[in-house]
Amino acid sequence: MIKDSEKFAEQDKKAKEKIDAKNNLDNYLHTMRNTINDKEKLAEKLDAADKEKIKETLKTQQDWLDAHLNAEKEEFEEHLKEITTVCDPIIAKHYQKAKGEEGGKGPDAESQDHSDL
């Protein structure tokens, strides 16, 4: 009985890891879709070409996920890596651009601007 429980514990661990990998992929797809469609987030701030590239990637990966719900953990992880390779640099570029625009006033502008006091 102990051997059986150890065997099932290993199977349970592998099943949990597989489910977690699938959920990570699904959550990333969902979060990124919301990010690029929400006007309060990035919907109107991204370049049209970048937004389209993200949308195409999300659709391709969602289609793959829908067709491969029983894929292995490593496959889910690989597809998540593919998505992040496309999406993360675009999002980072946007935030760097936004940060640059905010900081464009000069290094002392923030300490000298007292209009909100």
N, C-alpha and C. Protein backbone atom coordinates (compact mmCIF):
# COMPACT_ATOMS: atom_id res chain seq x y z
N MET A 1 0.81 -1.19 0.00
CA MET A 1 0.00 0.00 0.00
C MET A 1 0.86 1.26 0.00
N ILE A 2 1.95 1.23 0.73
CA ILE A 2 2.84 2.38 0.78
C ILE A 2 3.46 2.63 -0.59
N LYS A 3 3.84 1.54 -1.27
CA LYS A 3 4.42 1.67 -2.60
C LYS A 3 3.40 2.28 -3.57
N ASP A 4 2.15 1.85 -3.44
CA ASP A 4 1.09 2.41 -4.28
C ASP A 4 0.92 3.90 -4.02
N SER A 5 0.94 4.30 -2.76
CA SER A 5 0.76 5.71 -2.43
C SER A 5 1.93 6.54 -2.96
N GLU A 6 3.14 5.99 -2.88
CA GLU A 6 4.31 6.69 -3.43
C GLU A 6 4.19 6.83 -4.94
N LYS A 7 3.73 5.75 -5.59
CA LYS A 7 3.54 5.77 -7.03
C LYS A 7 2.51 6.83 -7.43
N PHE A 8 1.40 6.85 -6.70
CA PHE A 8 0.34 7.82 -7.00
C PHE A 8 0.78 9.24 -6.66
N ALA A 9 1.60 9.40 -5.64
CA ALA A 9 2.09 10.73 -5.28
C ALA A 9 2.93 11.30 -6.42
N GLU A 10 3.77 10.47 -7.03
CA GLU A 10 4.58 10.92 -8.16
C GLU A 10 3.69 11.26 -9.35
N GLN A 11 2.68 10.45 -9.61
CA GLN A 11 1.74 10.72 -10.71
C GLN A 11 0.97 12.01 -10.44
N ASP A 12 0.55 12.20 -9.20
CA ASP A 12 -0.17 13.42 -8.82
C ASP A 12 0.71 14.65 -9.01
N LYS A 13 1.98 14.53 -8.65
CA LYS A 13 2.92 15.65 -8.79
C LYS A 13 3.07 16.01 -10.27
N LYS A 14 3.23 15.01 -11.12
CA LYS A 14 3.38 15.26 -12.56
C LYS A 14 2.10 15.87 -13.14
N ALA A 15 0.95 15.37 -12.70
CA ALA A 15 -0.32 15.91 -13.18
C ALA A 15 -0.49 17.37 -12.76
N LYS A 16 -0.11 17.67 -11.53
CA LYS A 16 -0.20 19.05 -11.04
C LYS A 16 0.72 19.97 -11.83
N GLU A 17 1.94 19.53 -12.10
CA GLU A 17 2.88 20.34 -12.88
C GLU A 17 2.34 20.60 -14.29
N LYS A 18 1.73 19.58 -14.87
CA LYS A 18 1.15 19.73 -16.22
C LYS A 18 0.00 20.73 -16.20
N ILE A 19 -0.87 20.61 -15.22
CA ILE A 19 -2.01 21.53 -15.09
C ILE A 19 -1.53 22.94 -14.83
N ASP A 20 -0.52 23.09 -13.98
CA ASP A 20 0.03 24.41 -13.70
C ASP A 20 0.62 25.05 -14.96
N ALA A 21 1.33 24.27 -15.76
CA ALA A 21 1.92 24.78 -17.00
C ALA A 21 0.83 25.20 -17.97
N LYS A 22 -0.22 24.40 -18.09
CA LYS A 22 -1.36 24.74 -18.96
C LYS A 22 -2.03 26.02 -18.46
N ASN A 23 -2.25 26.11 -17.16
CA ASN A 23 -2.89 27.30 -16.58
C ASN A 23 -2.03 28.55 -16.76
N ASN A 24 -0.71 28.40 -16.65
CA ASN A 24 0.18 29.54 -16.86
C ASN A 24 0.04 30.07 -18.28
N LEU A 25 0.00 29.16 -19.24
CA LEU A 25 -0.17 29.55 -20.64
C LEU A 25 -1.52 30.24 -20.83
N ASP A 26 -2.57 29.63 -20.34
CA ASP A 26 -3.92 30.17 -20.48
C ASP A 26 -4.03 31.54 -19.79
N ASN A 27 -3.46 31.67 -18.61
CA ASN A 27 -3.51 32.95 -17.89
C ASN A 27 -2.76 34.04 -18.63
N TYR A 28 -1.61 33.70 -19.19
CA TYR A 28 -0.85 34.70 -19.93
C TYR A 28 -1.64 35.17 -21.15
N LEU A 29 -2.25 34.23 -21.86
CA LEU A 29 -3.07 34.59 -23.01
C LEU A 29 -4.18 35.55 -22.59
N HIS A 30 -4.87 35.20 -21.54
CA HIS A 30 -5.99 36.01 -21.04
C HIS A 30 -5.51 37.40 -20.60
N THR A 31 -4.45 37.44 -19.83
CA THR A 31 -3.94 38.71 -19.33
C THR A 31 -3.47 39.62 -20.46
N MET A 32 -2.74 39.04 -21.40
CA MET A 32 -2.23 39.84 -22.51
C MET A 32 -3.37 40.34 -23.39
N ARG A 33 -4.38 39.50 -23.61
CA ARG A 33 -5.55 39.92 -24.39
C ARG A 33 -6.23 41.10 -23.71
N ASN A 34 -6.40 41.02 -22.40
CA ASN A 34 -7.01 42.13 -21.66
C ASN A 34 -6.15 43.37 -21.71
N THR A 35 -4.86 43.20 -21.61
CA THR A 35 -3.93 44.33 -21.61
C THR A 35 -4.00 45.11 -22.91
N ILE A 36 -4.05 44.42 -24.03
CA ILE A 36 -4.04 45.14 -25.31
C ILE A 36 -5.43 45.63 -25.72
N ASN A 37 -6.48 45.17 -25.06
CA ASN A 37 -7.83 45.60 -25.40
C ASN A 37 -8.42 46.61 -24.42
N ASP A 38 -7.83 46.74 -23.25
CA ASP A 38 -8.34 47.63 -22.22
C ASP A 38 -7.82 49.06 -22.46
N LYS A 39 -8.73 49.99 -22.66
CA LYS A 39 -8.35 51.37 -22.95
C LYS A 39 -7.59 52.01 -21.80
N GLU A 40 -7.79 51.53 -20.59
CA GLU A 40 -7.08 52.07 -19.45
C GLU A 40 -5.67 51.49 -19.35
N LYS A 41 -5.40 50.46 -20.11
CA LYS A 41 -4.06 49.86 -20.09
C LYS A 41 -3.33 50.28 -21.35
N LEU A 42 -3.27 49.42 -22.36
CA LEU A 42 -2.47 49.72 -23.54
C LEU A 42 -3.24 49.79 -24.84
N ALA A 43 -4.53 49.61 -24.82
CA ALA A 43 -5.31 49.49 -26.05
C ALA A 43 -5.04 50.61 -27.05
N GLU A 44 -4.98 51.82 -26.61
CA GLU A 44 -4.81 52.95 -27.52
C GLU A 44 -3.38 53.49 -27.52
N LYS A 45 -2.50 52.86 -26.78
CA LYS A 45 -1.14 53.38 -26.66
C LYS A 45 -0.14 52.61 -27.51
N LEU A 46 -0.47 51.39 -27.89
CA LEU A 46 0.45 50.59 -28.69
C LEU A 46 0.38 50.99 -30.16
N ASP A 47 1.49 50.86 -30.84
CA ASP A 47 1.49 51.05 -32.30
C ASP A 47 0.59 49.99 -32.91
N ALA A 48 -0.08 50.34 -33.99
CA ALA A 48 -0.99 49.39 -34.65
C ALA A 48 -0.27 48.11 -35.06
N ALA A 49 0.93 48.23 -35.58
CA ALA A 49 1.68 47.05 -36.03
C ALA A 49 2.04 46.15 -34.86
N ASP A 50 2.46 46.75 -33.73
CA ASP A 50 2.79 45.96 -32.55
C ASP A 50 1.55 45.27 -31.99
N LYS A 51 0.46 46.02 -31.94
CA LYS A 51 -0.78 45.45 -31.42
C LYS A 51 -1.24 44.28 -32.30
N GLU A 52 -1.13 44.44 -33.60
CA GLU A 52 -1.53 43.37 -34.52
C GLU A 52 -0.63 42.15 -34.37
N LYS A 53 0.65 42.38 -34.17
CA LYS A 53 1.59 41.27 -33.98
C LYS A 53 1.23 40.48 -32.72
N ILE A 54 0.91 41.19 -31.65
CA ILE A 54 0.50 40.52 -30.41
C ILE A 54 -0.80 39.75 -30.62
N LYS A 55 -1.78 40.38 -31.27
CA LYS A 55 -3.07 39.72 -31.51
C LYS A 55 -2.89 38.43 -32.32
N GLU A 56 -2.07 38.49 -33.36
CA GLU A 56 -1.83 37.30 -34.18
C GLU A 56 -1.18 36.18 -33.36
N THR A 57 -0.21 36.56 -32.55
CA THR A 57 0.48 35.59 -31.70
C THR A 57 -0.49 34.97 -30.71
N LEU A 58 -1.32 35.80 -30.09
CA LEU A 58 -2.29 35.29 -29.13
C LEU A 58 -3.28 34.34 -29.79
N LYS A 59 -3.75 34.70 -30.98
CA LYS A 59 -4.70 33.84 -31.68
C LYS A 59 -4.05 32.50 -32.04
N THR A 60 -2.85 32.55 -32.57
CA THR A 60 -2.15 31.32 -32.93
C THR A 60 -1.97 30.42 -31.72
N GLN A 61 -1.53 31.00 -30.62
CA GLN A 61 -1.29 30.20 -29.41
C GLN A 61 -2.59 29.72 -28.77
N GLN A 62 -3.64 30.54 -28.83
CA GLN A 62 -4.93 30.10 -28.29
C GLN A 62 -5.48 28.94 -29.11
N ASP A 63 -5.35 29.03 -30.42
CA ASP A 63 -5.79 27.93 -31.29
C ASP A 63 -5.02 26.66 -30.97
N TRP A 64 -3.70 26.80 -30.77
CA TRP A 64 -2.90 25.62 -30.42
C TRP A 64 -3.38 25.05 -29.08
N LEU A 65 -3.56 25.89 -28.10
CA LEU A 65 -3.99 25.44 -26.77
C LEU A 65 -5.33 24.72 -26.85
N ASP A 66 -6.27 25.29 -27.58
CA ASP A 66 -7.59 24.68 -27.71
C ASP A 66 -7.52 23.30 -28.35
N ALA A 67 -6.57 23.12 -29.25
CA ALA A 67 -6.43 21.84 -29.96
C ALA A 67 -5.55 20.84 -29.22
N HIS A 68 -4.84 21.30 -28.18
CA HIS A 68 -3.88 20.43 -27.48
C HIS A 68 -4.04 20.51 -25.96
N LEU A 69 -5.24 20.38 -25.49
CA LEU A 69 -5.48 20.49 -24.05
C LEU A 69 -4.78 19.40 -23.24
N ASN A 70 -4.44 18.31 -23.89
CA ASN A 70 -3.77 17.21 -23.19
C ASN A 70 -2.28 17.13 -23.52
N ALA A 71 -1.71 18.24 -23.96
CA ALA A 71 -0.28 18.27 -24.28
C ALA A 71 0.54 18.06 -23.00
N GLU A 72 1.81 17.84 -23.19
CA GLU A 72 2.70 17.64 -22.06
C GLU A 72 3.13 18.98 -21.47
N LYS A 73 3.58 18.94 -20.23
CA LYS A 73 4.02 20.12 -19.51
C LYS A 73 5.04 20.92 -20.32
N GLU A 74 6.01 20.24 -20.89
CA GLU A 74 7.07 20.90 -21.64
C GLU A 74 6.53 21.64 -22.87
N GLU A 75 5.49 21.09 -23.49
CA GLU A 75 4.88 21.75 -24.65
C GLU A 75 4.20 23.05 -24.23
N PHE A 76 3.46 23.01 -23.12
CA PHE A 76 2.82 24.23 -22.62
C PHE A 76 3.88 25.28 -22.30
N GLU A 77 4.95 24.86 -21.66
CA GLU A 77 6.02 25.79 -21.30
C GLU A 77 6.68 26.37 -22.55
N GLU A 78 6.89 25.56 -23.56
CA GLU A 78 7.51 26.04 -24.80
C GLU A 78 6.61 27.07 -25.49
N HIS A 79 5.31 26.83 -25.51
CA HIS A 79 4.39 27.79 -26.14
C HIS A 79 4.31 29.09 -25.34
N LEU A 80 4.38 28.99 -24.04
CA LEU A 80 4.41 30.20 -23.21
C LEU A 80 5.67 31.00 -23.52
N LYS A 81 6.78 30.31 -23.66
CA LYS A 81 8.04 30.98 -24.00
C LYS A 81 7.94 31.67 -25.36
N GLU A 82 7.31 31.02 -26.32
CA GLU A 82 7.13 31.61 -27.65
C GLU A 82 6.33 32.91 -27.57
N ILE A 83 5.26 32.90 -26.78
CA ILE A 83 4.42 34.09 -26.64
C ILE A 83 5.19 35.22 -25.97
N THR A 84 5.86 34.90 -24.88
CA THR A 84 6.57 35.95 -24.16
C THR A 84 7.71 36.53 -24.99
N THR A 85 8.29 35.71 -25.86
CA THR A 85 9.35 36.19 -26.74
C THR A 85 8.83 37.26 -27.69
N VAL A 86 7.57 37.16 -28.07
CA VAL A 86 6.96 38.15 -28.97
C VAL A 86 6.41 39.33 -28.17
N CYS A 87 5.63 39.04 -27.14
CA CYS A 87 4.87 40.09 -26.44
C CYS A 87 5.71 40.92 -25.47
N ASP A 88 6.54 40.29 -24.69
CA ASP A 88 7.26 41.03 -23.65
C ASP A 88 8.13 42.17 -24.19
N PRO A 89 8.88 41.96 -25.28
CA PRO A 89 9.67 43.09 -25.80
C PRO A 89 8.81 44.27 -26.28
N ILE A 90 7.65 43.96 -26.84
CA ILE A 90 6.75 45.03 -27.30
C ILE A 90 6.23 45.83 -26.11
N ILE A 91 5.80 45.13 -25.08
CA ILE A 91 5.28 45.80 -23.88
C ILE A 91 6.39 46.59 -23.21
N ALA A 92 7.57 46.00 -23.10
CA ALA A 92 8.70 46.69 -22.48
C ALA A 92 9.06 47.95 -23.27
N LYS A 93 9.05 47.85 -24.60
CA LYS A 93 9.35 49.00 -25.46
C LYS A 93 8.35 50.13 -25.19
N HIS A 94 7.09 49.77 -25.04
CA HIS A 94 6.07 50.78 -24.77
C HIS A 94 6.33 51.47 -23.43
N TYR A 95 6.62 50.67 -22.39
CA TYR A 95 6.85 51.27 -21.08
C TYR A 95 8.12 52.10 -21.06
N GLN A 96 9.15 51.70 -21.79
CA GLN A 96 10.37 52.50 -21.87
C GLN A 96 10.08 53.82 -22.58
N LYS A 97 9.28 53.74 -23.63
CA LYS A 97 8.90 54.94 -24.37
C LYS A 97 8.09 55.89 -23.47
N ALA A 98 7.14 55.34 -22.74
CA ALA A 98 6.32 56.15 -21.84
C ALA A 98 7.17 56.76 -20.73
N LYS A 99 8.10 55.98 -20.22
CA LYS A 99 8.98 56.49 -19.16
C LYS A 99 9.86 57.60 -19.71
N GLY A 100 10.33 57.44 -20.93
CA GLY A 100 11.14 58.47 -21.57
C GLY A 100 10.37 59.76 -21.77
N GLU A 101 9.09 59.64 -22.13
CA GLU A 101 8.26 60.82 -22.33
C GLU A 101 8.01 61.54 -21.01
N GLU A 102 7.82 60.78 -19.94
CA GLU A 102 7.61 61.38 -18.63
C GLU A 102 8.87 62.08 -18.15
N GLY A 103 10.00 61.46 -18.41
CA GLY A 103 11.27 62.00 -17.94
C GLY A 103 11.84 63.06 -18.86
N GLY A 104 11.15 63.39 -19.93
CA GLY A 104 11.63 64.34 -20.91
C GLY A 104 11.74 65.77 -20.42
N LYS A 105 11.22 66.07 -19.25
CA LYS A 105 11.25 67.42 -18.72
C LYS A 105 12.64 67.81 -18.20
N GLY A 106 13.49 66.85 -18.01
CA GLY A 106 14.81 67.13 -17.47
C GLY A 106 14.94 66.57 -16.08
N PRO A 107 16.16 66.37 -15.60
CA PRO A 107 16.36 65.72 -14.31
C PRO A 107 15.86 66.52 -13.13
N ASP A 108 15.87 67.87 -13.21
CA ASP A 108 15.44 68.68 -12.08
C ASP A 108 13.99 69.10 -12.15
N ALA A 109 13.31 68.76 -13.21
CA ALA A 109 11.93 69.22 -13.41
C ALA A 109 11.01 68.72 -12.31
N GLU A 110 11.20 67.50 -11.89
CA GLU A 110 10.31 66.94 -10.87
C GLU A 110 10.49 67.66 -9.54
N SER A 111 11.73 67.95 -9.17
CA SER A 111 11.96 68.61 -7.89
C SER A 111 11.55 70.08 -7.93
N GLN A 112 11.49 70.70 -9.11
CA GLN A 112 11.14 72.09 -9.23
C GLN A 112 9.65 72.31 -9.48
N ASP A 113 8.93 71.30 -9.89
CA ASP A 113 7.52 71.44 -10.22
C ASP A 113 6.70 71.35 -8.93
N HIS A 114 6.16 72.46 -8.49
CA HIS A 114 5.38 72.50 -7.25
C HIS A 114 3.90 72.80 -7.53
N SER A 115 3.47 72.65 -8.76
CA SER A 115 2.10 73.03 -9.12
C SER A 115 1.05 72.16 -8.45
N ASP A 116 1.43 70.96 -7.99
CA ASP A 116 0.43 70.08 -7.37
C ASP A 116 0.42 70.22 -5.86
N LEU A 117 1.16 71.17 -5.30
CA LEU A 117 1.18 71.34 -3.85
C LEU A 117 0.05 72.21 -3.40
